[in-house]
């Protein structure tokens, strides 16, 4: 994580931090680095989150996520923190949403677009443009590396209602395993 620590020291805001992180994650994803086997294990019913690194001085967190065939997320946000995501293996579909309005009657989201990503693809989410869902659209496991501006342990999930609006619920996130300090120097 030395590369990230160096790059993120002194960054002035989420745009600069995510740009620096994109460059580094793109390099790692293009080199097709071999992940330790413990970071490639998927969850049984849901995607798996494996903690790779927490940076005390810079506050960021690195997580490997393993998506079994057909696994995915609800539409969600990242709790107001920036994120850079890089695909290391497999194929995923990422669909972004715009938060139009949040009232007592419900939440209005509109689908902005959808992209299929494969190894080497890197993208970022910078609040307030952070609403999206991820789905493994292939018949094999997919693996992504996520770098969050701060550790992400809860987020809002947006669940569709029959009237076209959404309701939210706060979701607590956990790790399937923690390997902090044992990966990517």
N, C-alpha and C. Protein backbone atom coordinates (compact mmCIF):
# COMPACT_ATOMS: atom_id res chain seq x y z
N UNK A 1 0.81 -1.19 0.00
CA UNK A 1 0.00 0.00 0.00
C UNK A 1 0.85 1.26 0.00
N UNK A 2 2.14 1.08 -0.10
CA UNK A 2 3.05 2.23 -0.12
C UNK A 2 2.70 3.18 -1.25
N UNK A 3 2.38 2.65 -2.44
CA UNK A 3 2.00 3.50 -3.58
C UNK A 3 0.82 4.39 -3.24
N UNK A 4 -0.22 3.80 -2.65
CA UNK A 4 -1.40 4.57 -2.30
C UNK A 4 -1.10 5.59 -1.20
N UNK A 5 -0.36 5.17 -0.18
CA UNK A 5 -0.02 6.12 0.89
C UNK A 5 0.71 7.34 0.33
N UNK A 6 1.69 7.10 -0.53
CA UNK A 6 2.43 8.21 -1.13
C UNK A 6 1.52 9.10 -1.98
N UNK A 7 0.69 8.46 -2.78
CA UNK A 7 -0.18 9.21 -3.70
C UNK A 7 -1.24 10.02 -2.97
N UNK A 8 -1.75 9.52 -1.87
CA UNK A 8 -2.86 10.18 -1.19
C UNK A 8 -2.44 11.20 -0.15
N UNK A 9 -1.17 11.17 0.24
CA UNK A 9 -0.69 12.18 1.19
C UNK A 9 -0.79 13.55 0.57
N UNK A 10 -1.47 14.43 1.25
CA UNK A 10 -1.56 15.81 0.78
C UNK A 10 -2.58 16.05 -0.32
N UNK A 11 -3.39 15.05 -0.67
CA UNK A 11 -4.42 15.28 -1.70
C UNK A 11 -5.41 16.33 -1.19
N UNK A 12 -5.82 17.18 -2.11
CA UNK A 12 -6.76 18.25 -1.77
C UNK A 12 -8.15 17.91 -2.27
N UNK A 13 -8.84 17.05 -1.54
CA UNK A 13 -10.21 16.74 -1.87
C UNK A 13 -10.42 15.41 -2.54
N UNK A 14 -11.69 14.98 -2.62
CA UNK A 14 -12.00 13.65 -3.17
C UNK A 14 -11.69 13.50 -4.65
N UNK A 15 -11.79 14.57 -5.43
CA UNK A 15 -11.50 14.46 -6.86
C UNK A 15 -10.04 14.10 -7.09
N UNK A 16 -9.15 14.80 -6.41
CA UNK A 16 -7.72 14.52 -6.56
C UNK A 16 -7.37 13.14 -6.01
N UNK A 17 -7.94 12.78 -4.86
CA UNK A 17 -7.66 11.48 -4.25
C UNK A 17 -8.15 10.35 -5.15
N UNK A 18 -9.34 10.48 -5.71
CA UNK A 18 -9.85 9.40 -6.56
C UNK A 18 -9.07 9.31 -7.87
N UNK A 19 -8.64 10.44 -8.41
CA UNK A 19 -7.84 10.42 -9.64
C UNK A 19 -6.50 9.70 -9.40
N UNK A 20 -5.83 10.02 -8.30
CA UNK A 20 -4.57 9.35 -7.95
C UNK A 20 -4.79 7.85 -7.76
N UNK A 21 -5.87 7.51 -7.06
CA UNK A 21 -6.18 6.11 -6.78
C UNK A 21 -6.52 5.35 -8.07
N UNK A 22 -7.25 5.98 -8.97
CA UNK A 22 -7.57 5.35 -10.27
C UNK A 22 -6.30 4.95 -11.00
N UNK A 23 -5.33 5.84 -11.03
CA UNK A 23 -4.07 5.54 -11.73
C UNK A 23 -3.39 4.31 -11.13
N UNK A 24 -3.34 4.24 -9.81
CA UNK A 24 -2.67 3.12 -9.15
C UNK A 24 -3.45 1.82 -9.34
N UNK A 25 -4.76 1.87 -9.15
CA UNK A 25 -5.57 0.67 -9.29
C UNK A 25 -5.58 0.17 -10.74
N UNK A 26 -5.54 1.08 -11.68
CA UNK A 26 -5.47 0.70 -13.10
C UNK A 26 -4.17 -0.06 -13.37
N UNK A 27 -3.08 0.42 -12.78
CA UNK A 27 -1.79 -0.25 -12.94
C UNK A 27 -1.86 -1.67 -12.39
N UNK A 28 -2.39 -1.83 -11.18
CA UNK A 28 -2.49 -3.17 -10.57
C UNK A 28 -3.42 -4.08 -11.37
N UNK A 29 -4.54 -3.55 -11.85
CA UNK A 29 -5.49 -4.40 -12.57
C UNK A 29 -4.95 -4.80 -13.94
N UNK A 30 -4.16 -3.93 -14.57
CA UNK A 30 -3.59 -4.27 -15.88
C UNK A 30 -2.44 -5.25 -15.76
N UNK A 31 -1.75 -5.24 -14.62
CA UNK A 31 -0.66 -6.20 -14.39
C UNK A 31 -1.21 -7.58 -14.08
N UNK A 32 -2.51 -7.68 -13.86
CA UNK A 32 -3.18 -8.96 -13.55
C UNK A 32 -2.47 -9.67 -12.41
N UNK A 33 -2.31 -8.95 -11.31
CA UNK A 33 -1.63 -9.52 -10.16
C UNK A 33 -2.40 -10.73 -9.63
N UNK A 34 -1.68 -11.65 -9.10
CA UNK A 34 -2.27 -12.86 -8.52
C UNK A 34 -2.66 -12.56 -7.08
N UNK A 35 -3.95 -12.68 -6.79
CA UNK A 35 -4.44 -12.43 -5.44
C UNK A 35 -4.23 -13.67 -4.58
N UNK A 36 -3.91 -13.49 -3.30
CA UNK A 36 -3.84 -14.64 -2.40
C UNK A 36 -5.18 -15.37 -2.40
N UNK A 37 -5.17 -16.68 -2.26
CA UNK A 37 -6.38 -17.49 -2.38
C UNK A 37 -7.46 -17.06 -1.38
N UNK A 38 -7.05 -16.60 -0.20
CA UNK A 38 -8.05 -16.20 0.79
C UNK A 38 -8.85 -14.96 0.36
N UNK A 39 -8.32 -14.21 -0.60
CA UNK A 39 -9.04 -13.03 -1.11
C UNK A 39 -9.91 -13.36 -2.32
N UNK A 40 -9.98 -14.62 -2.70
CA UNK A 40 -10.76 -15.01 -3.88
C UNK A 40 -11.97 -15.87 -3.51
N UNK A 41 -12.25 -15.98 -2.21
CA UNK A 41 -13.36 -16.81 -1.75
C UNK A 41 -14.66 -16.02 -1.76
N UNK A 42 -15.69 -16.56 -2.43
CA UNK A 42 -16.96 -15.85 -2.46
C UNK A 42 -17.82 -16.26 -1.27
N UNK A 43 -18.88 -15.49 -1.04
CA UNK A 43 -19.84 -15.81 0.01
C UNK A 43 -20.87 -16.78 -0.55
N UNK A 44 -21.57 -17.46 0.32
CA UNK A 44 -22.55 -18.45 -0.14
C UNK A 44 -23.79 -17.79 -0.73
N UNK A 45 -24.40 -16.87 -0.01
CA UNK A 45 -25.65 -16.27 -0.46
C UNK A 45 -25.46 -14.83 -0.95
N UNK A 46 -24.37 -14.23 -0.59
CA UNK A 46 -24.12 -12.83 -0.92
C UNK A 46 -22.65 -12.67 -1.31
N UNK A 47 -22.33 -11.60 -2.02
CA UNK A 47 -20.94 -11.35 -2.35
C UNK A 47 -20.11 -11.28 -1.07
N UNK A 48 -18.82 -11.51 -1.18
CA UNK A 48 -17.92 -11.49 -0.03
C UNK A 48 -17.10 -10.21 -0.02
N UNK A 49 -16.84 -9.69 1.18
CA UNK A 49 -15.98 -8.52 1.37
C UNK A 49 -14.78 -8.96 2.21
N UNK A 50 -13.58 -8.77 1.67
CA UNK A 50 -12.35 -9.13 2.37
C UNK A 50 -11.53 -7.87 2.59
N UNK A 51 -11.28 -7.52 3.84
CA UNK A 51 -10.47 -6.35 4.15
C UNK A 51 -9.01 -6.63 3.81
N UNK A 52 -8.43 -5.75 3.00
CA UNK A 52 -7.02 -5.89 2.64
C UNK A 52 -6.15 -4.93 3.45
N UNK A 53 -6.62 -3.68 3.59
CA UNK A 53 -5.76 -2.66 4.22
C UNK A 53 -6.60 -1.51 4.77
N UNK A 54 -6.21 -1.02 5.95
CA UNK A 54 -6.72 0.23 6.53
C UNK A 54 -5.52 1.16 6.68
N UNK A 55 -5.62 2.35 6.14
CA UNK A 55 -4.53 3.31 6.30
C UNK A 55 -4.85 4.25 7.44
N UNK A 56 -4.10 4.16 8.50
CA UNK A 56 -4.31 5.07 9.63
C UNK A 56 -3.96 6.52 9.25
N UNK A 57 -2.81 6.76 8.60
CA UNK A 57 -2.47 8.16 8.34
C UNK A 57 -3.36 8.83 7.30
N UNK A 58 -3.84 8.09 6.30
CA UNK A 58 -4.61 8.70 5.22
C UNK A 58 -6.10 8.39 5.28
N UNK A 59 -6.52 7.47 6.14
CA UNK A 59 -7.92 7.19 6.36
C UNK A 59 -8.61 6.28 5.36
N UNK A 60 -7.94 5.92 4.27
CA UNK A 60 -8.59 5.10 3.25
C UNK A 60 -8.61 3.62 3.66
N UNK A 61 -9.37 2.84 2.93
CA UNK A 61 -9.54 1.42 3.21
C UNK A 61 -9.58 0.68 1.87
N UNK A 62 -8.95 -0.50 1.80
CA UNK A 62 -8.93 -1.30 0.58
C UNK A 62 -9.62 -2.63 0.85
N UNK A 63 -10.58 -2.97 -0.02
CA UNK A 63 -11.39 -4.17 0.17
C UNK A 63 -11.44 -4.96 -1.14
N UNK A 64 -11.27 -6.27 -1.05
CA UNK A 64 -11.49 -7.15 -2.20
C UNK A 64 -12.92 -7.68 -2.07
N UNK A 65 -13.65 -7.63 -3.18
CA UNK A 65 -15.01 -8.16 -3.17
C UNK A 65 -15.10 -9.27 -4.20
N UNK A 66 -15.71 -10.38 -3.80
CA UNK A 66 -15.84 -11.53 -4.67
C UNK A 66 -17.33 -11.77 -4.89
N UNK A 67 -17.69 -11.80 -6.17
CA UNK A 67 -19.08 -11.90 -6.60
C UNK A 67 -19.31 -13.25 -7.26
N UNK A 68 -20.11 -14.10 -6.65
CA UNK A 68 -20.48 -15.37 -7.28
C UNK A 68 -21.43 -15.11 -8.44
N UNK A 69 -21.62 -16.09 -9.31
CA UNK A 69 -22.53 -15.91 -10.44
C UNK A 69 -23.92 -15.45 -9.97
N UNK A 70 -24.41 -14.38 -10.58
CA UNK A 70 -25.73 -13.84 -10.25
C UNK A 70 -25.79 -12.99 -9.00
N UNK A 71 -24.72 -12.89 -8.23
CA UNK A 71 -24.74 -12.08 -7.01
C UNK A 71 -24.62 -10.60 -7.34
N UNK A 72 -25.18 -9.77 -6.49
CA UNK A 72 -25.12 -8.34 -6.72
C UNK A 72 -25.61 -7.56 -5.51
N UNK A 73 -25.76 -6.27 -5.70
CA UNK A 73 -26.21 -5.38 -4.64
C UNK A 73 -27.55 -4.77 -5.02
N UNK A 74 -28.22 -4.21 -4.04
CA UNK A 74 -29.34 -3.31 -4.30
C UNK A 74 -28.73 -1.98 -4.73
N UNK A 75 -29.54 -1.07 -5.22
CA UNK A 75 -29.06 0.29 -5.43
C UNK A 75 -28.62 0.80 -4.06
N UNK A 76 -27.45 1.41 -4.00
CA UNK A 76 -26.93 1.88 -2.71
C UNK A 76 -26.04 3.09 -2.91
N UNK A 77 -25.67 3.73 -1.79
CA UNK A 77 -24.70 4.82 -1.82
C UNK A 77 -23.47 4.36 -1.05
N UNK A 78 -22.52 5.24 -0.91
CA UNK A 78 -21.30 4.92 -0.16
C UNK A 78 -21.16 5.80 1.07
N UNK A 79 -22.29 6.19 1.63
CA UNK A 79 -22.27 6.93 2.89
C UNK A 79 -21.52 8.25 2.81
N UNK A 80 -21.42 8.82 1.61
CA UNK A 80 -20.76 10.12 1.46
C UNK A 80 -19.26 10.06 1.25
N UNK A 81 -18.69 8.89 1.08
CA UNK A 81 -17.24 8.81 0.85
C UNK A 81 -16.96 8.44 -0.61
N UNK A 82 -15.81 8.89 -1.12
CA UNK A 82 -15.43 8.55 -2.49
C UNK A 82 -14.98 7.10 -2.55
N UNK A 83 -15.01 6.53 -3.74
CA UNK A 83 -14.61 5.14 -3.94
C UNK A 83 -14.05 4.97 -5.34
N UNK A 84 -13.02 4.16 -5.45
CA UNK A 84 -12.49 3.74 -6.74
C UNK A 84 -12.60 2.22 -6.77
N UNK A 85 -13.17 1.70 -7.88
CA UNK A 85 -13.40 0.27 -8.03
C UNK A 85 -12.67 -0.22 -9.27
N UNK A 86 -11.96 -1.32 -9.12
CA UNK A 86 -11.26 -1.92 -10.26
C UNK A 86 -11.61 -3.38 -10.38
N UNK A 87 -11.92 -3.81 -11.60
CA UNK A 87 -12.25 -5.21 -11.86
C UNK A 87 -10.96 -6.00 -12.10
N UNK A 88 -10.79 -7.07 -11.35
CA UNK A 88 -9.60 -7.90 -11.45
C UNK A 88 -9.86 -9.21 -12.19
N UNK A 89 -11.12 -9.69 -12.11
CA UNK A 89 -11.46 -10.99 -12.72
C UNK A 89 -12.96 -11.01 -12.99
N UNK A 90 -13.36 -11.62 -14.08
CA UNK A 90 -14.77 -11.81 -14.38
C UNK A 90 -15.40 -10.61 -15.08
N UNK A 91 -16.72 -10.59 -15.06
CA UNK A 91 -17.46 -9.51 -15.71
C UNK A 91 -18.61 -9.08 -14.82
N UNK A 92 -18.75 -7.77 -14.66
CA UNK A 92 -19.81 -7.20 -13.84
C UNK A 92 -20.57 -6.15 -14.63
N UNK A 93 -21.80 -5.93 -14.23
CA UNK A 93 -22.58 -4.83 -14.79
C UNK A 93 -22.80 -3.82 -13.68
N UNK A 94 -22.45 -2.57 -13.95
CA UNK A 94 -22.62 -1.50 -12.98
C UNK A 94 -23.63 -0.52 -13.55
N UNK A 95 -24.68 -0.29 -12.78
CA UNK A 95 -25.75 0.61 -13.21
C UNK A 95 -25.77 1.80 -12.25
N UNK A 96 -25.68 3.00 -12.81
CA UNK A 96 -25.67 4.20 -11.98
C UNK A 96 -27.05 4.85 -11.97
N UNK A 97 -27.33 5.54 -10.87
CA UNK A 97 -28.61 6.20 -10.66
C UNK A 97 -28.37 7.62 -10.18
N UNK A 98 -29.30 8.50 -10.51
CA UNK A 98 -29.28 9.87 -10.02
C UNK A 98 -30.38 10.02 -8.99
N UNK A 99 -30.02 10.58 -7.84
CA UNK A 99 -31.00 10.88 -6.80
C UNK A 99 -31.69 12.18 -7.19
N UNK A 100 -32.96 12.10 -7.56
CA UNK A 100 -33.70 13.27 -8.01
C UNK A 100 -34.31 14.05 -6.86
N UNK A 101 -35.00 13.33 -5.97
CA UNK A 101 -35.73 13.99 -4.90
C UNK A 101 -35.94 13.01 -3.76
N UNK A 102 -35.84 13.54 -2.55
CA UNK A 102 -36.08 12.74 -1.36
C UNK A 102 -37.11 13.48 -0.52
N UNK A 103 -38.33 12.91 -0.43
CA UNK A 103 -39.41 13.54 0.33
C UNK A 103 -40.00 12.51 1.29
N UNK A 104 -40.96 12.96 2.11
CA UNK A 104 -41.64 12.05 3.02
C UNK A 104 -42.41 10.98 2.25
N UNK A 105 -42.82 11.30 1.02
CA UNK A 105 -43.58 10.35 0.20
C UNK A 105 -42.70 9.24 -0.37
N UNK A 106 -41.41 9.47 -0.46
CA UNK A 106 -40.50 8.47 -1.02
C UNK A 106 -39.34 9.12 -1.72
N UNK A 107 -38.50 8.30 -2.29
CA UNK A 107 -37.28 8.76 -2.95
C UNK A 107 -37.41 8.49 -4.44
N UNK A 108 -37.08 9.52 -5.23
CA UNK A 108 -37.11 9.39 -6.68
C UNK A 108 -35.68 9.24 -7.19
N UNK A 109 -35.42 8.12 -7.85
CA UNK A 109 -34.14 7.84 -8.50
C UNK A 109 -34.39 7.64 -9.98
N UNK A 110 -33.45 8.06 -10.81
CA UNK A 110 -33.56 7.73 -12.23
C UNK A 110 -32.28 7.01 -12.67
N UNK A 111 -32.48 5.98 -13.46
CA UNK A 111 -31.37 5.19 -13.99
C UNK A 111 -30.63 6.04 -15.01
N UNK A 112 -29.31 6.18 -14.81
CA UNK A 112 -28.51 7.00 -15.73
C UNK A 112 -27.89 6.18 -16.84
N UNK A 113 -27.42 5.01 -16.50
CA UNK A 113 -26.75 4.20 -17.50
C UNK A 113 -26.18 2.96 -16.88
N UNK A 114 -25.72 2.07 -17.74
CA UNK A 114 -25.19 0.80 -17.30
C UNK A 114 -23.97 0.46 -18.15
N UNK A 115 -22.93 -0.05 -17.51
CA UNK A 115 -21.73 -0.47 -18.23
C UNK A 115 -21.33 -1.86 -17.77
N UNK A 116 -20.80 -2.64 -18.68
CA UNK A 116 -20.22 -3.93 -18.33
C UNK A 116 -18.73 -3.72 -18.19
N UNK A 117 -18.18 -4.23 -17.11
CA UNK A 117 -16.75 -4.08 -16.87
C UNK A 117 -16.09 -5.45 -16.80
N UNK A 118 -14.83 -5.47 -17.18
CA UNK A 118 -14.03 -6.69 -17.17
C UNK A 118 -12.65 -6.33 -16.64
N UNK A 119 -11.75 -7.30 -16.50
CA UNK A 119 -10.44 -7.00 -15.92
C UNK A 119 -9.74 -5.82 -16.62
N UNK A 120 -9.20 -4.94 -15.79
CA UNK A 120 -8.52 -3.75 -16.28
C UNK A 120 -9.39 -2.50 -16.22
N UNK A 121 -10.71 -2.67 -16.08
CA UNK A 121 -11.61 -1.51 -15.99
C UNK A 121 -11.59 -0.93 -14.58
N UNK A 122 -11.48 0.39 -14.51
CA UNK A 122 -11.45 1.09 -13.24
C UNK A 122 -12.39 2.29 -13.34
N UNK A 123 -13.14 2.53 -12.28
CA UNK A 123 -14.04 3.68 -12.25
C UNK A 123 -14.12 4.26 -10.85
N UNK A 124 -14.69 5.46 -10.75
CA UNK A 124 -14.77 6.08 -9.42
C UNK A 124 -16.15 6.67 -9.18
N UNK A 125 -16.47 6.81 -7.92
CA UNK A 125 -17.71 7.41 -7.45
C UNK A 125 -17.34 8.51 -6.48
N UNK A 126 -17.81 9.71 -6.76
CA UNK A 126 -17.52 10.85 -5.90
C UNK A 126 -18.86 11.47 -5.49
N UNK A 127 -19.16 11.50 -4.19
CA UNK A 127 -20.43 12.07 -3.77
C UNK A 127 -20.60 13.49 -4.30
N UNK A 128 -21.80 13.86 -4.69
CA UNK A 128 -23.07 13.18 -4.46
C UNK A 128 -23.42 12.17 -5.55
N UNK A 129 -22.53 11.92 -6.49
CA UNK A 129 -22.80 10.96 -7.57
C UNK A 129 -22.23 9.60 -7.19
N UNK A 130 -22.96 8.92 -6.31
CA UNK A 130 -22.46 7.66 -5.76
C UNK A 130 -23.51 6.56 -5.76
N UNK A 131 -24.67 6.78 -6.31
CA UNK A 131 -25.76 5.81 -6.27
C UNK A 131 -25.63 4.83 -7.43
N UNK A 132 -25.57 3.55 -7.10
CA UNK A 132 -25.36 2.54 -8.13
C UNK A 132 -25.70 1.15 -7.60
N UNK A 133 -25.71 0.18 -8.51
CA UNK A 133 -25.80 -1.21 -8.11
C UNK A 133 -24.81 -1.99 -8.97
N UNK A 134 -24.36 -3.12 -8.44
CA UNK A 134 -23.38 -3.96 -9.12
C UNK A 134 -23.96 -5.37 -9.20
N UNK A 135 -23.80 -6.01 -10.37
CA UNK A 135 -24.29 -7.37 -10.57
C UNK A 135 -23.27 -8.19 -11.34
N UNK A 136 -23.06 -9.42 -10.90
CA UNK A 136 -22.22 -10.35 -11.66
C UNK A 136 -23.12 -10.96 -12.73
N UNK A 137 -22.85 -10.62 -13.97
CA UNK A 137 -23.68 -11.08 -15.09
C UNK A 137 -23.09 -12.30 -15.79
N UNK A 138 -22.02 -12.84 -15.24
CA UNK A 138 -21.37 -13.99 -15.88
C UNK A 138 -21.67 -15.27 -15.09
N UNK A 139 -21.21 -16.37 -15.61
CA UNK A 139 -21.40 -17.66 -14.96
C UNK A 139 -20.24 -18.07 -14.08
N UNK A 140 -19.31 -17.13 -13.82
CA UNK A 140 -18.13 -17.43 -13.01
C UNK A 140 -17.94 -16.34 -11.97
N UNK A 141 -17.09 -16.59 -10.99
CA UNK A 141 -16.79 -15.58 -9.98
C UNK A 141 -16.17 -14.34 -10.63
N UNK A 142 -16.47 -13.19 -10.06
CA UNK A 142 -15.84 -11.94 -10.45
C UNK A 142 -15.19 -11.36 -9.18
N UNK A 143 -14.07 -10.66 -9.37
CA UNK A 143 -13.37 -10.07 -8.23
C UNK A 143 -13.08 -8.61 -8.54
N UNK A 144 -13.38 -7.75 -7.56
CA UNK A 144 -13.09 -6.33 -7.68
C UNK A 144 -12.30 -5.89 -6.45
N UNK A 145 -11.49 -4.85 -6.65
CA UNK A 145 -10.79 -4.19 -5.55
C UNK A 145 -11.43 -2.81 -5.41
N UNK A 146 -11.80 -2.45 -4.18
CA UNK A 146 -12.43 -1.17 -3.89
C UNK A 146 -11.54 -0.40 -2.92
N UNK A 147 -11.26 0.84 -3.25
CA UNK A 147 -10.54 1.73 -2.35
C UNK A 147 -11.53 2.82 -1.95
N UNK A 148 -11.84 2.89 -0.67
CA UNK A 148 -12.77 3.87 -0.13
C UNK A 148 -12.00 4.97 0.57
N UNK A 149 -12.49 6.20 0.46
CA UNK A 149 -11.85 7.34 1.13
C UNK A 149 -11.78 7.18 2.63
N UNK A 150 -12.72 6.43 3.18
CA UNK A 150 -12.71 6.05 4.58
C UNK A 150 -13.39 4.69 4.69
N UNK A 151 -13.19 4.02 5.79
CA UNK A 151 -13.75 2.67 5.91
C UNK A 151 -15.27 2.71 5.80
N UNK A 152 -15.82 1.89 4.93
CA UNK A 152 -17.26 1.85 4.68
C UNK A 152 -17.86 0.69 5.45
N UNK A 153 -18.56 1.01 6.55
CA UNK A 153 -19.18 -0.02 7.38
C UNK A 153 -20.70 0.07 7.38
N UNK A 154 -21.24 1.11 6.74
CA UNK A 154 -22.68 1.19 6.55
C UNK A 154 -22.99 2.08 5.35
N UNK A 155 -24.12 1.79 4.74
CA UNK A 155 -24.56 2.57 3.59
C UNK A 155 -26.07 2.50 3.53
N UNK A 156 -26.64 3.37 2.72
CA UNK A 156 -28.09 3.32 2.51
C UNK A 156 -28.38 2.46 1.29
N UNK A 157 -29.35 1.58 1.44
CA UNK A 157 -29.85 0.77 0.32
C UNK A 157 -31.18 1.37 -0.12
N UNK A 158 -31.37 1.42 -1.42
CA UNK A 158 -32.59 1.98 -2.00
C UNK A 158 -33.39 0.83 -2.59
N UNK A 159 -34.55 0.57 -2.01
CA UNK A 159 -35.37 -0.57 -2.41
C UNK A 159 -36.59 -0.09 -3.17
N UNK A 160 -36.81 -0.64 -4.38
CA UNK A 160 -37.93 -0.15 -5.22
C UNK A 160 -39.28 -0.49 -4.61
N UNK A 161 -40.20 0.44 -4.80
CA UNK A 161 -41.59 0.23 -4.40
C UNK A 161 -42.43 0.07 -5.65
N UNK A 162 -43.64 -0.40 -5.49
CA UNK A 162 -44.54 -0.62 -6.64
C UNK A 162 -44.91 0.67 -7.35
N UNK A 163 -44.87 1.81 -6.64
CA UNK A 163 -45.26 3.08 -7.25
C UNK A 163 -44.13 3.76 -8.02
N UNK A 164 -42.98 3.09 -8.15
CA UNK A 164 -41.86 3.66 -8.89
C UNK A 164 -40.88 4.44 -8.04
N UNK A 165 -41.26 4.74 -6.80
CA UNK A 165 -40.35 5.41 -5.87
C UNK A 165 -39.56 4.34 -5.12
N UNK A 166 -38.63 4.82 -4.29
CA UNK A 166 -37.80 3.91 -3.51
C UNK A 166 -37.95 4.24 -2.03
N UNK A 167 -37.74 3.23 -1.21
CA UNK A 167 -37.62 3.44 0.24
C UNK A 167 -36.18 3.09 0.61
N UNK A 168 -35.71 3.62 1.71
CA UNK A 168 -34.33 3.32 2.10
C UNK A 168 -34.29 2.52 3.39
N UNK A 169 -33.19 1.82 3.51
CA UNK A 169 -32.86 1.17 4.77
C UNK A 169 -31.36 1.31 4.95
N UNK A 170 -30.95 1.46 6.19
CA UNK A 170 -29.52 1.54 6.49
C UNK A 170 -28.99 0.12 6.55
N UNK A 171 -27.93 -0.13 5.81
CA UNK A 171 -27.33 -1.45 5.81
C UNK A 171 -25.97 -1.41 6.49
N UNK A 172 -25.75 -2.33 7.40
CA UNK A 172 -24.44 -2.46 8.05
C UNK A 172 -23.62 -3.45 7.23
N UNK A 173 -22.37 -3.10 7.00
CA UNK A 173 -21.47 -3.93 6.20
C UNK A 173 -20.43 -4.56 7.10
N UNK A 174 -20.04 -5.76 6.77
CA UNK A 174 -19.01 -6.45 7.54
C UNK A 174 -18.04 -7.12 6.56
N UNK A 175 -17.05 -7.75 7.10
CA UNK A 175 -16.05 -8.45 6.29
C UNK A 175 -16.19 -9.95 6.47
N UNK A 176 -15.99 -10.68 5.39
CA UNK A 176 -15.93 -12.13 5.48
C UNK A 176 -14.59 -12.56 6.06
N UNK A 177 -13.56 -11.75 5.80
CA UNK A 177 -12.23 -12.02 6.35
C UNK A 177 -11.43 -10.72 6.37
N UNK A 178 -10.42 -10.69 7.24
CA UNK A 178 -9.55 -9.51 7.34
C UNK A 178 -8.11 -9.95 7.14
N UNK A 179 -7.46 -9.30 6.17
CA UNK A 179 -6.07 -9.62 5.84
C UNK A 179 -5.21 -8.37 5.83
N UNK A 180 -5.60 -7.39 6.63
CA UNK A 180 -4.91 -6.10 6.63
C UNK A 180 -3.41 -6.29 6.81
N UNK A 181 -2.67 -5.62 5.97
CA UNK A 181 -1.21 -5.62 6.08
C UNK A 181 -0.51 -6.78 5.39
N UNK A 182 -1.26 -7.67 4.72
CA UNK A 182 -0.61 -8.84 4.13
C UNK A 182 -0.67 -8.85 2.61
N UNK A 183 -0.97 -7.71 1.99
CA UNK A 183 -1.17 -7.71 0.54
C UNK A 183 -0.72 -6.39 -0.05
N UNK A 184 -0.17 -6.40 -1.23
CA UNK A 184 0.24 -5.22 -1.99
C UNK A 184 1.11 -4.26 -1.20
N UNK A 185 2.38 -4.35 -1.40
CA UNK A 185 3.28 -3.44 -0.70
C UNK A 185 3.29 -2.07 -1.31
